[in-house]
Amino acid sequence: MPIFEYQCNACCHCFEELVFSSQAPKPKCPKCDCGDVQKLMSAGCVRPNGIPTGSGGFKDSACKPSGG
């Protein structure tokens, strides 16, 4: 089940939502309860061979974008 990033067109709040089905309606903004939201493009994070964090493998910082 993918997690998508959304941005509210009313208050510009960005939030993530776990989507259970491709038929699911767009979520409402948790900040202002507006239904006018758009899905954002985001980069995924994949750890090779399913190595969990804290096992001497990769750290969370490896998944964060560099820069500002």
N, C-alpha and C. Protein backbone atom coordinates (compact mmCIF):
# COMPACT_ATOMS: atom_id res chain seq x y z
N MET A 1 0.84 -1.17 0.00
CA MET A 1 0.00 0.00 0.00
C MET A 1 0.89 1.24 0.00
N PRO A 2 0.79 2.02 -1.02
CA PRO A 2 1.68 3.18 -1.14
C PRO A 2 1.25 4.36 -0.28
N ILE A 3 2.24 5.14 0.08
CA ILE A 3 2.00 6.40 0.78
C ILE A 3 2.22 7.50 -0.24
N PHE A 4 1.22 8.36 -0.40
CA PHE A 4 1.31 9.46 -1.34
C PHE A 4 1.42 10.78 -0.60
N GLU A 5 2.08 11.74 -1.24
CA GLU A 5 2.18 13.09 -0.70
C GLU A 5 1.15 13.96 -1.40
N TYR A 6 0.47 14.80 -0.62
CA TYR A 6 -0.53 15.71 -1.15
C TYR A 6 -0.25 17.12 -0.65
N GLN A 7 -0.77 18.11 -1.39
CA GLN A 7 -0.71 19.50 -0.96
C GLN A 7 -2.10 20.08 -1.09
N CYS A 8 -2.54 20.78 -0.06
CA CYS A 8 -3.84 21.43 -0.05
C CYS A 8 -3.77 22.70 -0.89
N ASN A 9 -4.71 22.87 -1.80
CA ASN A 9 -4.73 24.07 -2.63
C ASN A 9 -5.29 25.28 -1.89
N ALA A 10 -5.94 25.06 -0.75
CA ALA A 10 -6.50 26.17 0.02
C ALA A 10 -5.49 26.77 0.99
N CYS A 11 -4.79 25.91 1.76
CA CYS A 11 -3.89 26.42 2.79
C CYS A 11 -2.42 26.06 2.53
N CYS A 12 -2.13 25.35 1.45
CA CYS A 12 -0.76 24.96 1.04
C CYS A 12 -0.08 23.98 1.99
N HIS A 13 -0.85 23.36 2.88
CA HIS A 13 -0.31 22.37 3.80
C HIS A 13 0.04 21.09 3.03
N CYS A 14 1.24 20.54 3.27
CA CYS A 14 1.66 19.27 2.66
C CYS A 14 1.50 18.16 3.68
N PHE A 15 0.99 17.01 3.23
CA PHE A 15 0.80 15.89 4.12
C PHE A 15 0.90 14.59 3.35
N GLU A 16 1.09 13.49 4.08
CA GLU A 16 1.18 12.16 3.49
C GLU A 16 -0.07 11.37 3.84
N GLU A 17 -0.46 10.49 2.94
CA GLU A 17 -1.66 9.68 3.16
C GLU A 17 -1.41 8.26 2.66
N LEU A 18 -1.74 7.27 3.48
CA LEU A 18 -1.65 5.87 3.09
C LEU A 18 -2.90 5.55 2.28
N VAL A 19 -2.72 5.07 1.05
CA VAL A 19 -3.85 4.81 0.15
C VAL A 19 -4.04 3.31 0.04
N PHE A 20 -5.23 2.83 0.38
CA PHE A 20 -5.51 1.40 0.38
C PHE A 20 -5.99 0.88 -0.96
N SER A 21 -6.47 1.76 -1.84
CA SER A 21 -7.01 1.31 -3.12
C SER A 21 -6.87 2.41 -4.15
N SER A 22 -6.73 2.00 -5.41
CA SER A 22 -6.65 3.01 -6.47
C SER A 22 -8.01 3.69 -6.68
N GLN A 23 -9.07 3.10 -6.15
CA GLN A 23 -10.41 3.65 -6.27
C GLN A 23 -10.75 4.60 -5.11
N ALA A 24 -9.84 4.74 -4.16
CA ALA A 24 -10.09 5.58 -2.99
C ALA A 24 -10.20 7.05 -3.41
N PRO A 25 -11.13 7.79 -2.80
CA PRO A 25 -11.23 9.22 -3.12
C PRO A 25 -10.04 9.99 -2.55
N LYS A 26 -9.82 11.18 -3.08
CA LYS A 26 -8.72 12.01 -2.58
C LYS A 26 -9.00 12.33 -1.11
N PRO A 27 -7.94 12.36 -0.30
CA PRO A 27 -8.12 12.68 1.12
C PRO A 27 -8.40 14.17 1.32
N LYS A 28 -8.89 14.50 2.50
CA LYS A 28 -9.08 15.90 2.88
C LYS A 28 -7.85 16.36 3.64
N CYS A 29 -7.60 17.65 3.56
CA CYS A 29 -6.47 18.25 4.27
C CYS A 29 -6.70 18.11 5.79
N PRO A 30 -5.71 17.55 6.52
CA PRO A 30 -5.88 17.41 7.96
C PRO A 30 -5.80 18.74 8.71
N LYS A 31 -5.31 19.78 8.06
CA LYS A 31 -5.17 21.08 8.71
C LYS A 31 -6.44 21.91 8.61
N CYS A 32 -7.02 21.99 7.37
CA CYS A 32 -8.18 22.86 7.19
C CYS A 32 -9.43 22.09 6.74
N ASP A 33 -9.34 20.77 6.57
CA ASP A 33 -10.45 19.90 6.18
C ASP A 33 -10.99 20.18 4.78
N CYS A 34 -10.17 20.80 3.93
CA CYS A 34 -10.58 21.09 2.55
C CYS A 34 -10.34 19.85 1.69
N GLY A 35 -11.20 19.60 0.74
CA GLY A 35 -11.06 18.46 -0.15
C GLY A 35 -10.33 18.78 -1.43
N ASP A 36 -9.91 20.04 -1.60
CA ASP A 36 -9.22 20.46 -2.82
C ASP A 36 -7.72 20.26 -2.64
N VAL A 37 -7.27 19.02 -2.88
CA VAL A 37 -5.86 18.68 -2.71
C VAL A 37 -5.31 18.12 -4.02
N GLN A 38 -4.00 18.22 -4.19
CA GLN A 38 -3.37 17.65 -5.37
C GLN A 38 -2.25 16.70 -4.94
N LYS A 39 -2.08 15.62 -5.70
CA LYS A 39 -1.04 14.65 -5.41
C LYS A 39 0.29 15.20 -5.91
N LEU A 40 1.32 15.10 -5.10
CA LEU A 40 2.65 15.59 -5.46
C LEU A 40 3.53 14.44 -5.93
N MET A 41 4.47 14.76 -6.78
CA MET A 41 5.48 13.79 -7.18
C MET A 41 6.53 13.74 -6.06
N SER A 42 6.92 12.54 -5.70
CA SER A 42 7.94 12.43 -4.66
C SER A 42 8.87 11.28 -4.99
N ALA A 43 10.06 11.37 -4.47
CA ALA A 43 11.05 10.32 -4.67
C ALA A 43 10.83 9.22 -3.65
N GLY A 44 10.97 8.01 -4.08
CA GLY A 44 10.84 6.89 -3.17
C GLY A 44 12.16 6.55 -2.52
N CYS A 45 12.11 5.69 -1.55
CA CYS A 45 13.32 5.24 -0.88
C CYS A 45 13.28 3.72 -0.84
N VAL A 46 14.28 3.10 -1.44
CA VAL A 46 14.35 1.65 -1.46
C VAL A 46 15.67 1.23 -0.87
N ARG A 47 15.59 0.31 0.06
CA ARG A 47 16.81 -0.23 0.66
C ARG A 47 17.09 -1.57 0.00
N PRO A 48 18.28 -1.76 -0.52
CA PRO A 48 18.59 -3.02 -1.20
C PRO A 48 18.50 -4.21 -0.24
N ASN A 49 17.97 -5.30 -0.75
CA ASN A 49 17.85 -6.55 0.01
C ASN A 49 17.04 -6.42 1.28
N GLY A 50 16.21 -5.40 1.39
CA GLY A 50 15.35 -5.24 2.55
C GLY A 50 16.09 -5.01 3.85
N ILE A 51 17.25 -4.38 3.79
CA ILE A 51 18.04 -4.14 5.00
C ILE A 51 17.34 -3.09 5.86
N PRO A 52 16.92 -3.44 7.07
CA PRO A 52 16.25 -2.45 7.93
C PRO A 52 17.25 -1.45 8.50
N THR A 53 16.75 -0.29 8.88
CA THR A 53 17.63 0.70 9.52
C THR A 53 18.05 0.19 10.88
N GLY A 54 19.19 0.60 11.31
CA GLY A 54 19.68 0.20 12.62
C GLY A 54 20.37 -1.15 12.62
N SER A 55 20.49 -1.78 11.44
CA SER A 55 21.12 -3.10 11.41
C SER A 55 22.56 -3.01 10.91
N GLY A 56 23.11 -1.80 10.89
CA GLY A 56 24.46 -1.64 10.37
C GLY A 56 24.44 -1.40 8.88
N GLY A 57 23.24 -1.34 8.30
CA GLY A 57 23.11 -1.12 6.87
C GLY A 57 22.96 0.35 6.58
N PHE A 58 21.82 0.74 6.11
CA PHE A 58 21.59 2.12 5.72
C PHE A 58 20.89 2.88 6.83
N LYS A 59 21.10 4.18 6.84
CA LYS A 59 20.45 5.04 7.82
C LYS A 59 19.37 5.85 7.13
N ASP A 60 18.44 6.40 7.92
CA ASP A 60 17.35 7.21 7.36
C ASP A 60 17.87 8.36 6.53
N SER A 61 19.04 8.91 6.89
CA SER A 61 19.57 10.05 6.17
C SER A 61 19.89 9.70 4.74
N ALA A 62 20.05 8.42 4.42
CA ALA A 62 20.32 8.01 3.05
C ALA A 62 19.12 8.24 2.15
N CYS A 63 17.94 8.33 2.74
CA CYS A 63 16.71 8.48 1.97
C CYS A 63 16.28 9.93 1.87
N LYS A 64 16.90 10.80 2.60
CA LYS A 64 16.51 12.21 2.58
C LYS A 64 17.22 12.92 1.44
N PRO A 65 16.51 13.81 0.75
CA PRO A 65 17.16 14.54 -0.34
C PRO A 65 18.27 15.44 0.19
N SER A 66 19.31 15.57 -0.60
CA SER A 66 20.40 16.44 -0.19
C SER A 66 20.08 17.88 -0.54
N GLY A 67 20.74 18.79 0.06
CA GLY A 67 20.53 20.21 -0.20
C GLY A 67 19.56 20.82 0.78
N GLY A 68 18.69 21.72 0.29
CA GLY A 68 17.82 22.47 1.17
C GLY A 68 16.48 22.01 1.14
